[in-house]
Amino acid sequence: MAAVPTAVQVRAKVQSRADRADDIARLKQELALPELDYVDISAQLELQKALHRWPLLAEMERLQPKVLAPARPSELERLS
């Protein structure tokens, strides 16, 4: 089977977290809802999983003021 020429290679369009944040900012602006409180649940779950994997990171986070609400244990079990 012949390979696709490099000039025609297809790249997956995956939105980064920053791109998604820009989309939310644009949506807030378009809807004239600057106070819209958007919560990126996937980021919260990633943080909770990281804290579960790395005890030192969890200890450092414990010493910091709370910024994100912790994920429910059932959510962590479902994703692990």
PDB file of N, CA and C in Angstrom:
ATOM      1  N   MET A   1       0.848  -1.170   0.000  1.00  0.00           N
ATOM      2  CA  MET A   1       0.000   0.000   0.000  1.00  0.00           C
ATOM      3  C   MET A   1       0.896   1.236   0.000  1.00  0.00           C
ATOM      4  N   ALA A   2       0.580   2.211  -0.808  1.00  0.00           N
ATOM      5  CA  ALA A   2       1.388   3.427  -0.918  1.00  0.00           C
ATOM      6  C   ALA A   2       1.114   4.362   0.252  1.00  0.00           C
ATOM      7  N   ALA A   3       2.150   5.052   0.672  1.00  0.00           N
ATOM      8  CA  ALA A   3       2.009   6.022   1.768  1.00  0.00           C
ATOM      9  C   ALA A   3       1.520   7.350   1.213  1.00  0.00           C
ATOM     10  N   VAL A   4       0.848   8.090   2.052  1.00  0.00           N
ATOM     11  CA  VAL A   4       0.374   9.421   1.665  1.00  0.00           C
ATOM     12  C   VAL A   4       1.578  10.354   1.637  1.00  0.00           C
ATOM     13  N   PRO A   5       1.742  11.160   0.575  1.00  0.00           N
ATOM     14  CA  PRO A   5       2.875  12.089   0.517  1.00  0.00           C
ATOM     15  C   PRO A   5       2.870  13.027   1.727  1.00  0.00           C
ATOM     16  N   THR A   6       4.071  13.388   2.181  1.00  0.00           N
ATOM     17  CA  THR A   6       4.168  14.230   3.376  1.00  0.00           C
ATOM     18  C   THR A   6       3.462  15.561   3.215  1.00  0.00           C
ATOM     19  N   ALA A   7       3.376  16.088   2.028  1.00  0.00           N
ATOM     20  CA  ALA A   7       2.697  17.367   1.816  1.00  0.00           C
ATOM     21  C   ALA A   7       1.196  17.246   2.043  1.00  0.00           C
ATOM     22  N   VAL A   8       0.670  16.027   2.017  1.00  0.00           N
ATOM     23  CA  VAL A   8      -0.764  15.814   2.132  1.00  0.00           C
ATOM     24  C   VAL A   8      -1.137  15.156   3.472  1.00  0.00           C
ATOM     25  N   GLN A   9      -0.183  15.027   4.372  1.00  0.00           N
ATOM     26  CA  GLN A   9      -0.449  14.374   5.654  1.00  0.00           C
ATOM     27  C   GLN A   9      -1.591  15.078   6.381  1.00  0.00           C
ATOM     28  N   VAL A  10      -2.416  14.291   7.005  1.00  0.00           N
ATOM     29  CA  VAL A  10      -3.560  14.821   7.742  1.00  0.00           C
ATOM     30  C   VAL A  10      -3.206  14.846   9.224  1.00  0.00           C
ATOM     31  N   ARG A  11      -3.477  15.965   9.834  1.00  0.00           N
ATOM     32  CA  ARG A  11      -3.225  16.083  11.269  1.00  0.00           C
ATOM     33  C   ARG A  11      -4.552  16.122  11.997  1.00  0.00           C
ATOM     34  N   ALA A  12      -4.596  15.449  13.111  1.00  0.00           N
ATOM     35  CA  ALA A  12      -5.813  15.452  13.923  1.00  0.00           C
ATOM     36  C   ALA A  12      -5.995  16.832  14.533  1.00  0.00           C
ATOM     37  N   LYS A  13      -7.218  17.319  14.468  1.00  0.00           N
ATOM     38  CA  LYS A  13      -7.517  18.612  15.073  1.00  0.00           C
ATOM     39  C   LYS A  13      -8.001  18.361  16.492  1.00  0.00           C
ATOM     40  N   VAL A  14      -7.090  18.470  17.421  1.00  0.00           N
ATOM     41  CA  VAL A  14      -7.410  18.278  18.827  1.00  0.00           C
ATOM     42  C   VAL A  14      -7.283  19.624  19.510  1.00  0.00           C
ATOM     43  N   GLN A  15      -8.351  20.027  20.167  1.00  0.00           N
ATOM     44  CA  GLN A  15      -8.325  21.309  20.851  1.00  0.00           C
ATOM     45  C   GLN A  15      -7.567  21.192  22.157  1.00  0.00           C
ATOM     46  N   SER A  16      -6.677  22.139  22.376  1.00  0.00           N
ATOM     47  CA  SER A  16      -5.967  22.169  23.651  1.00  0.00           C
ATOM     48  C   SER A  16      -6.868  22.782  24.712  1.00  0.00           C
ATOM     49  N   ARG A  17      -6.460  22.647  25.962  1.00  0.00           N
ATOM     50  CA  ARG A  17      -7.226  23.233  27.059  1.00  0.00           C
ATOM     51  C   ARG A  17      -7.307  24.750  26.882  1.00  0.00           C
ATOM     52  N   ALA A  18      -6.231  25.375  26.386  1.00  0.00           N
ATOM     53  CA  ALA A  18      -6.236  26.826  26.165  1.00  0.00           C
ATOM     54  C   ALA A  18      -7.238  27.204  25.075  1.00  0.00           C
ATOM     55  N   ASP A  19      -7.312  26.394  24.014  1.00  0.00           N
ATOM     56  CA  ASP A  19      -8.284  26.666  22.947  1.00  0.00           C
ATOM     57  C   ASP A  19      -9.713  26.568  23.468  1.00  0.00           C
ATOM     58  N   ARG A  20      -9.963  25.559  24.309  1.00  0.00           N
ATOM     59  CA  ARG A  20     -11.304  25.422  24.882  1.00  0.00           C
ATOM     60  C   ARG A  20     -11.624  26.602  25.786  1.00  0.00           C
ATOM     61  N   ALA A  21     -10.630  27.081  26.543  1.00  0.00           N
ATOM     62  CA  ALA A  21     -10.842  28.238  27.415  1.00  0.00           C
ATOM     63  C   ALA A  21     -11.165  29.466  26.574  1.00  0.00           C
ATOM     64  N   ASP A  22     -10.487  29.611  25.423  1.00  0.00           N
ATOM     65  CA  ASP A  22     -10.785  30.725  24.523  1.00  0.00           C
ATOM     66  C   ASP A  22     -12.213  30.621  24.001  1.00  0.00           C
ATOM     67  N   ASP A  23     -12.657  29.408  23.693  1.00  0.00           N
ATOM     68  CA  ASP A  23     -14.033  29.214  23.227  1.00  0.00           C
ATOM     69  C   ASP A  23     -15.030  29.646  24.293  1.00  0.00           C
ATOM     70  N   ILE A  24     -14.759  29.304  25.532  1.00  0.00           N
ATOM     71  CA  ILE A  24     -15.650  29.688  26.628  1.00  0.00           C
ATOM     72  C   ILE A  24     -15.642  31.202  26.788  1.00  0.00           C
ATOM     73  N   ALA A  25     -14.475  31.824  26.683  1.00  0.00           N
ATOM     74  CA  ALA A  25     -14.389  33.287  26.792  1.00  0.00           C
ATOM     75  C   ALA A  25     -15.199  33.953  25.678  1.00  0.00           C
ATOM     76  N   ARG A  26     -15.095  33.414  24.459  1.00  0.00           N
ATOM     77  CA  ARG A  26     -15.871  33.970  23.339  1.00  0.00           C
ATOM     78  C   ARG A  26     -17.366  33.795  23.565  1.00  0.00           C
ATOM     79  N   LEU A  27     -17.762  32.644  24.075  1.00  0.00           N
ATOM     80  CA  LEU A  27     -19.171  32.382  24.352  1.00  0.00           C
ATOM     81  C   LEU A  27     -19.701  33.359  25.405  1.00  0.00           C
ATOM     82  N   LYS A  28     -18.931  33.587  26.457  1.00  0.00           N
ATOM     83  CA  LYS A  28     -19.335  34.552  27.488  1.00  0.00           C
ATOM     84  C   LYS A  28     -19.526  35.934  26.880  1.00  0.00           C
ATOM     85  N   GLN A  29     -18.613  36.308  25.984  1.00  0.00           N
ATOM     86  CA  GLN A  29     -18.690  37.625  25.350  1.00  0.00           C
ATOM     87  C   GLN A  29     -19.909  37.706  24.431  1.00  0.00           C
ATOM     88  N   GLU A  30     -20.122  36.688  23.611  1.00  0.00           N
ATOM     89  CA  GLU A  30     -21.244  36.698  22.669  1.00  0.00           C
ATOM     90  C   GLU A  30     -22.592  36.716  23.379  1.00  0.00           C
ATOM     91  N   LEU A  31     -22.686  36.009  24.496  1.00  0.00           N
ATOM     92  CA  LEU A  31     -23.942  35.948  25.232  1.00  0.00           C
ATOM     93  C   LEU A  31     -24.078  37.077  26.251  1.00  0.00           C
ATOM     94  N   ALA A  32     -23.065  37.933  26.315  1.00  0.00           N
ATOM     95  CA  ALA A  32     -23.038  39.041  27.278  1.00  0.00           C
ATOM     96  C   ALA A  32     -23.242  38.519  28.701  1.00  0.00           C
ATOM     97  N   LEU A  33     -22.521  37.451  29.014  1.00  0.00           N
ATOM     98  CA  LEU A  33     -22.594  36.853  30.348  1.00  0.00           C
ATOM     99  C   LEU A  33     -21.190  36.747  30.960  1.00  0.00           C
ATOM    100  N   PRO A  34     -20.554  37.877  31.245  1.00  0.00           N
ATOM    101  CA  PRO A  34     -19.182  37.802  31.766  1.00  0.00           C
ATOM    102  C   PRO A  34     -19.093  37.094  33.117  1.00  0.00           C
ATOM    103  N   GLU A  35     -20.191  37.075  33.863  1.00  0.00           N
ATOM    104  CA  GLU A  35     -20.171  36.432  35.178  1.00  0.00           C
ATOM    105  C   GLU A  35     -20.480  34.935  35.097  1.00  0.00           C
ATOM    106  N   LEU A  36     -20.681  34.401  33.883  1.00  0.00           N
ATOM    107  CA  LEU A  36     -20.950  32.972  33.719  1.00  0.00           C
ATOM    108  C   LEU A  36     -19.832  32.169  34.378  1.00  0.00           C
ATOM    109  N   ASP A  37     -20.191  31.297  35.286  1.00  0.00           N
ATOM    110  CA  ASP A  37     -19.214  30.529  36.053  1.00  0.00           C
ATOM    111  C   ASP A  37     -19.014  29.170  35.398  1.00  0.00           C
ATOM    112  N   TYR A  38     -17.981  29.050  34.557  1.00  0.00           N
ATOM    113  CA  TYR A  38     -17.692  27.810  33.844  1.00  0.00           C
ATOM    114  C   TYR A  38     -16.697  26.984  34.651  1.00  0.00           C
ATOM    115  N   VAL A  39     -16.980  25.714  34.814  1.00  0.00           N
ATOM    116  CA  VAL A  39     -16.094  24.822  35.555  1.00  0.00           C
ATOM    117  C   VAL A  39     -15.629  23.716  34.615  1.00  0.00           C
ATOM    118  N   ASP A  40     -14.318  23.602  34.438  1.00  0.00           N
ATOM    119  CA  ASP A  40     -13.750  22.549  33.600  1.00  0.00           C
ATOM    120  C   ASP A  40     -13.603  21.291  34.460  1.00  0.00           C
ATOM    121  N   ILE A  41     -14.613  20.445  34.401  1.00  0.00           N
ATOM    122  CA  ILE A  41     -14.646  19.253  35.250  1.00  0.00           C
ATOM    123  C   ILE A  41     -13.513  18.299  34.902  1.00  0.00           C
ATOM    124  N   SER A  42     -13.159  18.199  33.628  1.00  0.00           N
ATOM    125  CA  SER A  42     -12.087  17.277  33.254  1.00  0.00           C
ATOM    126  C   SER A  42     -10.765  17.700  33.886  1.00  0.00           C
ATOM    127  N   ALA A  43     -10.517  19.005  33.989  1.00  0.00           N
ATOM    128  CA  ALA A  43      -9.289  19.482  34.633  1.00  0.00           C
ATOM    129  C   ALA A  43      -9.299  19.137  36.116  1.00  0.00           C
ATOM    130  N   GLN A  44     -10.453  19.261  36.750  1.00  0.00           N
ATOM    131  CA  GLN A  44     -10.555  18.913  38.168  1.00  0.00           C
ATOM    132  C   GLN A  44     -10.290  17.427  38.385  1.00  0.00           C
ATOM    133  N   LEU A  45     -10.844  16.597  37.516  1.00  0.00           N
ATOM    134  CA  LEU A  45     -10.637  15.153  37.649  1.00  0.00           C
ATOM    135  C   LEU A  45      -9.176  14.779  37.408  1.00  0.00           C
ATOM    136  N   GLU A  46      -8.533  15.426  36.434  1.00  0.00           N
ATOM    137  CA  GLU A  46      -7.118  15.168  36.176  1.00  0.00           C
ATOM    138  C   GLU A  46      -6.279  15.534  37.391  1.00  0.00           C
ATOM    139  N   LEU A  47      -6.594  16.658  38.011  1.00  0.00           N
ATOM    140  CA  LEU A  47      -5.870  17.085  39.205  1.00  0.00           C
ATOM    141  C   LEU A  47      -6.050  16.074  40.335  1.00  0.00           C
ATOM    142  N   GLN A  48      -7.270  15.640  40.566  1.00  0.00           N
ATOM    143  CA  GLN A  48      -7.528  14.684  41.640  1.00  0.00           C
ATOM    144  C   GLN A  48      -6.815  13.354  41.387  1.00  0.00           C
ATOM    145  N   LYS A  49      -6.777  12.908  40.140  1.00  0.00           N
ATOM    146  CA  LYS A  49      -6.069  11.669  39.818  1.00  0.00           C
ATOM    147  C   LYS A  49      -4.572  11.829  40.058  1.00  0.00           C
ATOM    148  N   ALA A  50      -4.024  12.998  39.705  1.00  0.00           N
ATOM    149  CA  ALA A  50      -2.599  13.258  39.931  1.00  0.00           C
ATOM    150  C   ALA A  50      -2.290  13.276  41.425  1.00  0.00           C
ATOM    151  N   LEU A  51      -3.154  13.890  42.208  1.00  0.00           N
ATOM    152  CA  LEU A  51      -2.951  13.936  43.657  1.00  0.00           C
ATOM    153  C   LEU A  51      -3.010  12.535  44.259  1.00  0.00           C
ATOM    154  N   HIS A  52      -3.838  11.690  43.689  1.00  0.00           N
ATOM    155  CA  HIS A  52      -3.948  10.307  44.163  1.00  0.00           C
ATOM    156  C   HIS A  52      -2.682   9.517  43.809  1.00  0.00           C
ATOM    157  N   ARG A  53      -2.111   9.768  42.627  1.00  0.00           N
ATOM    158  CA  ARG A  53      -0.918   9.044  42.170  1.00  0.00           C
ATOM    159  C   ARG A  53       0.350   9.484  42.889  1.00  0.00           C
ATOM    160  N   TRP A  54       0.473  10.784  43.185  1.00  0.00           N
ATOM    161  CA  TRP A  54       1.710  11.324  43.742  1.00  0.00           C
ATOM    162  C   TRP A  54       1.463  11.908  45.133  1.00  0.00           C
ATOM    163  N   PRO A  55       1.777  11.149  46.175  1.00  0.00           N
ATOM    164  CA  PRO A  55       1.512  11.597  47.548  1.00  0.00           C
ATOM    165  C   PRO A  55       2.182  12.930  47.903  1.00  0.00           C
ATOM    166  N   LEU A  56       3.400  13.174  47.419  1.00  0.00           N
ATOM    167  CA  LEU A  56       4.063  14.441  47.743  1.00  0.00           C
ATOM    168  C   LEU A  56       3.294  15.616  47.143  1.00  0.00           C
ATOM    169  N   LEU A  57       2.811  15.448  45.935  1.00  0.00           N
ATOM    170  CA  LEU A  57       1.998  16.492  45.312  1.00  0.00           C
ATOM    171  C   LEU A  57       0.723  16.721  46.121  1.00  0.00           C
ATOM    172  N   ALA A  58       0.133  15.647  46.603  1.00  0.00           N
ATOM    173  CA  ALA A  58      -1.074  15.764  47.424  1.00  0.00           C
ATOM    174  C   ALA A  58      -0.774  16.515  48.714  1.00  0.00           C
ATOM    175  N   GLU A  59       0.383  16.235  49.312  1.00  0.00           N
ATOM    176  CA  GLU A  59       0.756  16.925  50.549  1.00  0.00           C
ATOM    177  C   GLU A  59       0.984  18.414  50.289  1.00  0.00           C
ATOM    178  N   MET A  60       1.635  18.739  49.184  1.00  0.00           N
ATOM    179  CA  MET A  60       1.856  20.152  48.838  1.00  0.00           C
ATOM    180  C   MET A  60       0.523  20.852  48.580  1.00  0.00           C
ATOM    181  N   GLU A  61      -0.385  20.163  47.931  1.00  0.00           N
ATOM    182  CA  GLU A  61      -1.698  20.746  47.647  1.00  0.00           C
ATOM    183  C   GLU A  61      -2.469  20.967  48.942  1.00  0.00           C
ATOM    184  N   ARG A  62      -2.303  20.048  49.893  1.00  0.00           N
ATOM    185  CA  ARG A  62      -2.994  20.168  51.174  1.00  0.00           C
ATOM    186  C   ARG A  62      -2.549  21.424  51.918  1.00  0.00           C
ATOM    187  N   LEU A  63      -1.284  21.814  51.736  1.00  0.00           N
ATOM    188  CA  LEU A  63      -0.749  22.991  52.416  1.00  0.00           C
ATOM    189  C   LEU A  63      -1.154  24.297  51.738  1.00  0.00           C
ATOM    190  N   GLN A  64      -1.662  24.205  50.514  1.00  0.00           N
ATOM    191  CA  GLN A  64      -2.083  25.395  49.764  1.00  0.00           C
ATOM    192  C   GLN A  64      -3.563  25.674  50.009  1.00  0.00           C
ATOM    193  N   PRO A  65      -3.986  26.936  49.803  1.00  0.00           N
ATOM    194  CA  PRO A  65      -5.428  27.224  49.901  1.00  0.00           C
ATOM    195  C   PRO A  65      -6.198  26.454  48.827  1.00  0.00           C
ATOM    196  N   LYS A  66      -7.402  26.050  49.142  1.00  0.00           N
ATOM    197  CA  LYS A  66      -8.226  25.293  48.196  1.00  0.00           C
ATOM    198  C   LYS A  66      -8.661  26.182  47.039  1.00  0.00           C
ATOM    199  N   VAL A  67      -8.457  25.695  45.818  1.00  0.00           N
ATOM    200  CA  VAL A  67      -8.880  26.411  44.617  1.00  0.00           C
ATOM    201  C   VAL A  67      -9.950  25.608  43.893  1.00  0.00           C
ATOM    202  N   LEU A  68      -9.726  24.307  43.746  1.00  0.00           N
ATOM    203  CA  LEU A  68     -10.667  23.440  43.037  1.00  0.00           C
ATOM    204  C   LEU A  68     -11.364  22.516  44.024  1.00  0.00           C
ATOM    205  N   ALA A  69     -12.620  22.283  43.791  1.00  0.00           N
ATOM    206  CA  ALA A  69     -13.359  21.340  44.622  1.00  0.00           C
ATOM    207  C   ALA A  69     -12.888  19.929  44.297  1.00  0.00           C
ATOM    208  N   PRO A  70     -12.716  19.083  45.301  1.00  0.00           N
ATOM    209  CA  PRO A  70     -12.262  17.719  45.024  1.00  0.00           C
ATOM    210  C   PRO A  70     -13.328  16.909  44.291  1.00  0.00           C
ATOM    211  N   ALA A  71     -12.857  16.005  43.455  1.00  0.00           N
ATOM    212  CA  ALA A  71     -13.768  15.117  42.732  1.00  0.00           C
ATOM    213  C   ALA A  71     -14.308  14.072  43.699  1.00  0.00           C
ATOM    214  N   ARG A  72     -15.475  13.583  43.406  1.00  0.00           N
ATOM    215  CA  ARG A  72     -16.061  12.525  44.236  1.00  0.00           C
ATOM    216  C   ARG A  72     -15.301  11.220  43.996  1.00  0.00           C
ATOM    217  N   PRO A  73     -15.134  10.396  45.031  1.00  0.00           N
ATOM    218  CA  PRO A  73     -14.419   9.123  44.865  1.00  0.00           C
ATOM    219  C   PRO A  73     -15.002   8.257  43.756  1.00  0.00           C
ATOM    220  N   SER A  74     -16.313   8.281  43.562  1.00  0.00           N
ATOM    221  CA  SER A  74     -16.923   7.468  42.504  1.00  0.00           C
ATOM    222  C   SER A  74     -16.438   7.904  41.127  1.00  0.00           C
ATOM    223  N   GLU A  75     -16.177   9.206  40.946  1.00  0.00           N
ATOM    224  CA  GLU A  75     -15.661   9.700  39.664  1.00  0.00           C
ATOM    225  C   GLU A  75     -14.243   9.200  39.434  1.00  0.00           C
ATOM    226  N   LEU A  76     -13.427   9.184  40.492  1.00  0.00           N
ATOM    227  CA  LEU A  76     -12.052   8.705  40.358  1.00  0.00           C
ATOM    228  C   LEU A  76     -12.019   7.221  40.023  1.00  0.00           C
ATOM    229  N   GLU A  77     -12.875   6.435  40.668  1.00  0.00           N
ATOM    230  CA  GLU A  77     -12.920   4.999  40.400  1.00  0.00           C
ATOM    231  C   GLU A  77     -13.336   4.728  38.962  1.00  0.00           C
ATOM    232  N   ARG A  78     -14.277   5.502  38.463  1.00  0.00           N
ATOM    233  CA  ARG A  78     -14.780   5.312  37.105  1.00  0.00           C
ATOM    234  C   ARG A  78     -13.685   5.602  36.081  1.00  0.00           C
ATOM    235  N   LEU A  79     -12.794   6.572  36.372  1.00  0.00           N
ATOM    236  CA  LEU A  79     -11.780   6.976  35.407  1.00  0.00           C
ATOM    237  C   LEU A  79     -10.476   6.213  35.543  1.00  0.00           C
ATOM    238  N   SER A  80     -10.277   5.491  36.626  1.00  0.00           N
ATOM    239  CA  SER A  80      -8.995   4.805  36.797  1.00  0.00           C
ATOM    240  C   SER A  80      -8.979   3.448  36.156  1.00  0.00           C
TER     241      SER A  80
END
